[in-house]
């Protein structure tokens, strides 16, 4: 079973009940294959506008294991960032970190931001199931 890493945009859609992300996240949660990254955790929690939203986000994050940004993931992300910047295809720091963590774990990234992440060599992107 492939590990699926949910990007921030997908989890925001899930919380808002927006398909196809909501359906896909639900299916991956049921399969037990869903993970997220410490970067997405930070982005979601820092975007909470009030205590109720924070509670909802924390409840979701409790159900999804978080892949950490450790030394190996940081090194992989730095390589991604340098490589893309040299080629003029930068995707930004947060997305570089998410890509590095996903690559390190051999995971498939579930994101709506295919335009950015498709630039990362070797990063597998999940297709939304209809």
C-alpha atoms as a PDB file:
ATOM      1  CA  UNK A   1       0.000   0.000   0.000  1.00  0.00           C
ATOM      2  CA  UNK A   2       1.451   3.332  -1.059  1.00  0.00           C
ATOM      3  CA  UNK A   3       1.758   6.088   1.489  1.00  0.00           C
ATOM      4  CA  UNK A   4      -0.298   9.091   0.399  1.00  0.00           C
ATOM      5  CA  UNK A   5       0.757  12.526   1.669  1.00  0.00           C
ATOM      6  CA  UNK A   6      -2.046  15.092   1.762  1.00  0.00           C
ATOM      7  CA  UNK A   7      -0.990  18.632   0.865  1.00  0.00           C
ATOM      8  CA  UNK A   8      -2.457  21.657   2.615  1.00  0.00           C
ATOM      9  CA  UNK A   9      -4.879  22.551  -0.196  1.00  0.00           C
ATOM     10  CA  UNK A  10      -6.385  19.067  -0.153  1.00  0.00           C
ATOM     11  CA  UNK A  11      -6.948  19.082   3.610  1.00  0.00           C
ATOM     12  CA  UNK A  12      -8.512  22.541   3.404  1.00  0.00           C
ATOM     13  CA  UNK A  13     -10.907  21.184   0.769  1.00  0.00           C
ATOM     14  CA  UNK A  14     -11.635  18.175   2.988  1.00  0.00           C
ATOM     15  CA  UNK A  15     -12.478  20.427   5.932  1.00  0.00           C
ATOM     16  CA  UNK A  16     -14.763  22.485   3.675  1.00  0.00           C
ATOM     17  CA  UNK A  17     -16.409  19.369   2.191  1.00  0.00           C
ATOM     18  CA  UNK A  18     -15.207  20.197  -1.334  1.00  0.00           C
ATOM     19  CA  UNK A  19     -14.938  17.259  -3.754  1.00  0.00           C
ATOM     20  CA  UNK A  20     -13.040  15.514  -5.165  1.00  0.00           C
ATOM     21  CA  UNK A  21     -10.554  16.169  -2.334  1.00  0.00           C
ATOM     22  CA  UNK A  22     -13.041  15.449   0.452  1.00  0.00           C
ATOM     23  CA  UNK A  23     -13.950  12.081  -1.084  1.00  0.00           C
ATOM     24  CA  UNK A  24     -10.312  11.153  -1.701  1.00  0.00           C
ATOM     25  CA  UNK A  25      -9.136  12.107   1.808  1.00  0.00           C
ATOM     26  CA  UNK A  26     -11.998  10.101   3.308  1.00  0.00           C
ATOM     27  CA  UNK A  27     -11.066   7.047   1.221  1.00  0.00           C
ATOM     28  CA  UNK A  28      -7.364   7.295   2.122  1.00  0.00           C
ATOM     29  CA  UNK A  29      -8.202   7.753   5.820  1.00  0.00           C
ATOM     30  CA  UNK A  30     -10.314   4.583   5.687  1.00  0.00           C
ATOM     31  CA  UNK A  31      -7.451   2.690   4.007  1.00  0.00           C
ATOM     32  CA  UNK A  32      -4.989   3.928   6.623  1.00  0.00           C
ATOM     33  CA  UNK A  33      -2.594   5.151   3.942  1.00  0.00           C
ATOM     34  CA  UNK A  34      -2.929   8.896   4.534  1.00  0.00           C
ATOM     35  CA  UNK A  35      -0.166  11.004   6.036  1.00  0.00           C
ATOM     36  CA  UNK A  36       0.618  14.693   6.077  1.00  0.00           C
ATOM     37  CA  UNK A  37       3.745  16.701   6.770  1.00  0.00           C
ATOM     38  CA  UNK A  38       4.826  18.925   9.631  1.00  0.00           C
ATOM     39  CA  UNK A  39       4.776  21.771   7.078  1.00  0.00           C
ATOM     40  CA  UNK A  40       1.112  21.213   6.251  1.00  0.00           C
ATOM     41  CA  UNK A  41       0.345  20.887   9.969  1.00  0.00           C
ATOM     42  CA  UNK A  42       1.962  24.308  10.517  1.00  0.00           C
ATOM     43  CA  UNK A  43       0.117  25.864   7.553  1.00  0.00           C
ATOM     44  CA  UNK A  44      -3.276  24.547   8.665  1.00  0.00           C
ATOM     45  CA  UNK A  45      -2.910  25.521  12.320  1.00  0.00           C
ATOM     46  CA  UNK A  46      -1.488  28.956  11.542  1.00  0.00           C
ATOM     47  CA  UNK A  47      -4.454  29.605   9.245  1.00  0.00           C
ATOM     48  CA  UNK A  48      -7.078  28.908  11.924  1.00  0.00           C
ATOM     49  CA  UNK A  49      -9.125  32.067  12.393  1.00  0.00           C
ATOM     50  CA  UNK A  50     -10.657  31.118  15.727  1.00  0.00           C
ATOM     51  CA  UNK A  51     -10.689  28.477  18.454  1.00  0.00           C
ATOM     52  CA  UNK A  52     -13.427  26.459  16.745  1.00  0.00           C
ATOM     53  CA  UNK A  53     -11.439  26.193  13.508  1.00  0.00           C
ATOM     54  CA  UNK A  54      -8.331  25.251  15.456  1.00  0.00           C
ATOM     55  CA  UNK A  55     -10.290  22.513  17.246  1.00  0.00           C
ATOM     56  CA  UNK A  56     -11.567  21.142  13.934  1.00  0.00           C
ATOM     57  CA  UNK A  57      -8.085  21.175  12.410  1.00  0.00           C
ATOM     58  CA  UNK A  58      -6.572  19.484  15.460  1.00  0.00           C
ATOM     59  CA  UNK A  59      -9.239  16.782  15.331  1.00  0.00           C
ATOM     60  CA  UNK A  60      -8.334  16.069  11.704  1.00  0.00           C
ATOM     61  CA  UNK A  61      -4.602  16.121  12.404  1.00  0.00           C
ATOM     62  CA  UNK A  62      -5.090  13.660  15.259  1.00  0.00           C
ATOM     63  CA  UNK A  63      -6.412  11.174  12.685  1.00  0.00           C
ATOM     64  CA  UNK A  64      -3.505  11.660  10.240  1.00  0.00           C
ATOM     65  CA  UNK A  65       0.068  10.717  11.124  1.00  0.00           C
ATOM     66  CA  UNK A  66       2.508  13.571  10.514  1.00  0.00           C
ATOM     67  CA  UNK A  67       5.786  13.021   8.699  1.00  0.00           C
ATOM     68  CA  UNK A  68       8.424  15.169  10.374  1.00  0.00           C
ATOM     69  CA  UNK A  69      11.004  17.560   9.024  1.00  0.00           C
ATOM     70  CA  UNK A  70      14.164  15.901  10.283  1.00  0.00           C
ATOM     71  CA  UNK A  71      17.744  16.211   9.031  1.00  0.00           C
ATOM     72  CA  UNK A  72      17.292  13.772   6.149  1.00  0.00           C
ATOM     73  CA  UNK A  73      14.061  15.437   4.997  1.00  0.00           C
ATOM     74  CA  UNK A  74      15.620  18.912   5.272  1.00  0.00           C
ATOM     75  CA  UNK A  75      18.603  17.780   3.213  1.00  0.00           C
ATOM     76  CA  UNK A  76      16.330  16.288   0.547  1.00  0.00           C
ATOM     77  CA  UNK A  77      14.194  19.449   0.477  1.00  0.00           C
ATOM     78  CA  UNK A  78      17.284  21.651   0.166  1.00  0.00           C
ATOM     79  CA  UNK A  79      18.393  19.604  -2.829  1.00  0.00           C
ATOM     80  CA  UNK A  80      14.937  20.015  -4.410  1.00  0.00           C
ATOM     81  CA  UNK A  81      14.956  23.757  -3.815  1.00  0.00           C
ATOM     82  CA  UNK A  82      18.488  24.329  -5.158  1.00  0.00           C
ATOM     83  CA  UNK A  83      17.850  22.189  -8.204  1.00  0.00           C
ATOM     84  CA  UNK A  84      14.602  23.950  -9.095  1.00  0.00           C
ATOM     85  CA  UNK A  85      16.005  27.429  -8.460  1.00  0.00           C
ATOM     86  CA  UNK A  86      18.973  26.715 -10.761  1.00  0.00           C
ATOM     87  CA  UNK A  87      16.589  25.742 -13.539  1.00  0.00           C
ATOM     88  CA  UNK A  88      14.350  28.788 -12.949  1.00  0.00           C
ATOM     89  CA  UNK A  89      11.451  26.632 -11.728  1.00  0.00           C
ATOM     90  CA  UNK A  90      11.307  27.467  -8.022  1.00  0.00           C
ATOM     91  CA  UNK A  91       8.261  26.313  -6.084  1.00  0.00           C
ATOM     92  CA  UNK A  92       8.872  28.165  -2.826  1.00  0.00           C
ATOM     93  CA  UNK A  93      10.183  27.047   0.519  1.00  0.00           C
ATOM     94  CA  UNK A  94       7.071  25.371   1.959  1.00  0.00           C
ATOM     95  CA  UNK A  95       6.420  23.342  -1.193  1.00  0.00           C
ATOM     96  CA  UNK A  96      10.111  22.385  -1.389  1.00  0.00           C
ATOM     97  CA  UNK A  97       9.903  21.104   2.194  1.00  0.00           C
ATOM     98  CA  UNK A  98       6.721  19.122   1.480  1.00  0.00           C
ATOM     99  CA  UNK A  99       8.324  17.655  -1.656  1.00  0.00           C
ATOM    100  CA  UNK A 100      11.495  16.727   0.227  1.00  0.00           C
ATOM    101  CA  UNK A 101       9.578  14.979   3.005  1.00  0.00           C
ATOM    102  CA  UNK A 102       7.412  13.121   0.468  1.00  0.00           C
ATOM    103  CA  UNK A 103      10.432  12.019  -1.591  1.00  0.00           C
ATOM    104  CA  UNK A 104      12.301  10.828   1.493  1.00  0.00           C
ATOM    105  CA  UNK A 105       9.378   8.575   2.442  1.00  0.00           C
ATOM    106  CA  UNK A 106       8.717   7.356  -1.105  1.00  0.00           C
ATOM    107  CA  UNK A 107       5.209   8.758  -0.780  1.00  0.00           C
ATOM    108  CA  UNK A 108       2.706   9.844  -3.392  1.00  0.00           C
ATOM    109  CA  UNK A 109       1.612  13.467  -2.963  1.00  0.00           C
ATOM    110  CA  UNK A 110      -2.101  14.293  -3.118  1.00  0.00           C
ATOM    111  CA  UNK A 111      -2.374  17.958  -4.122  1.00  0.00           C
ATOM    112  CA  UNK A 112      -4.325  20.281  -6.346  1.00  0.00           C
ATOM    113  CA  UNK A 113      -1.112  22.239  -6.965  1.00  0.00           C
ATOM    114  CA  UNK A 114       0.160  19.959  -9.705  1.00  0.00           C
ATOM    115  CA  UNK A 115       1.673  22.930 -11.567  1.00  0.00           C
ATOM    116  CA  UNK A 116       4.270  23.394  -8.811  1.00  0.00           C
ATOM    117  CA  UNK A 117       4.859  19.842  -7.711  1.00  0.00           C
ATOM    118  CA  UNK A 118       5.108  18.375 -11.234  1.00  0.00           C
ATOM    119  CA  UNK A 119       8.402  20.287 -11.500  1.00  0.00           C
ATOM    120  CA  UNK A 120      10.008  18.070  -8.833  1.00  0.00           C
ATOM    121  CA  UNK A 121      11.906  15.186 -10.432  1.00  0.00           C
ATOM    122  CA  UNK A 122      10.938  11.823  -8.981  1.00  0.00           C
ATOM    123  CA  UNK A 123       7.948  13.108  -6.998  1.00  0.00           C
ATOM    124  CA  UNK A 124       4.882  10.990  -7.670  1.00  0.00           C
ATOM    125  CA  UNK A 125       1.540  12.814  -7.713  1.00  0.00           C
ATOM    126  CA  UNK A 126      -1.779  11.132  -6.947  1.00  0.00           C
ATOM    127  CA  UNK A 127      -4.668  11.484  -9.332  1.00  0.00           C
ATOM    128  CA  UNK A 128      -8.033  12.329  -7.865  1.00  0.00           C
ATOM    129  CA  UNK A 129     -10.437   9.446  -8.211  1.00  0.00           C
ATOM    130  CA  UNK A 130     -13.774  10.354  -9.732  1.00  0.00           C
END
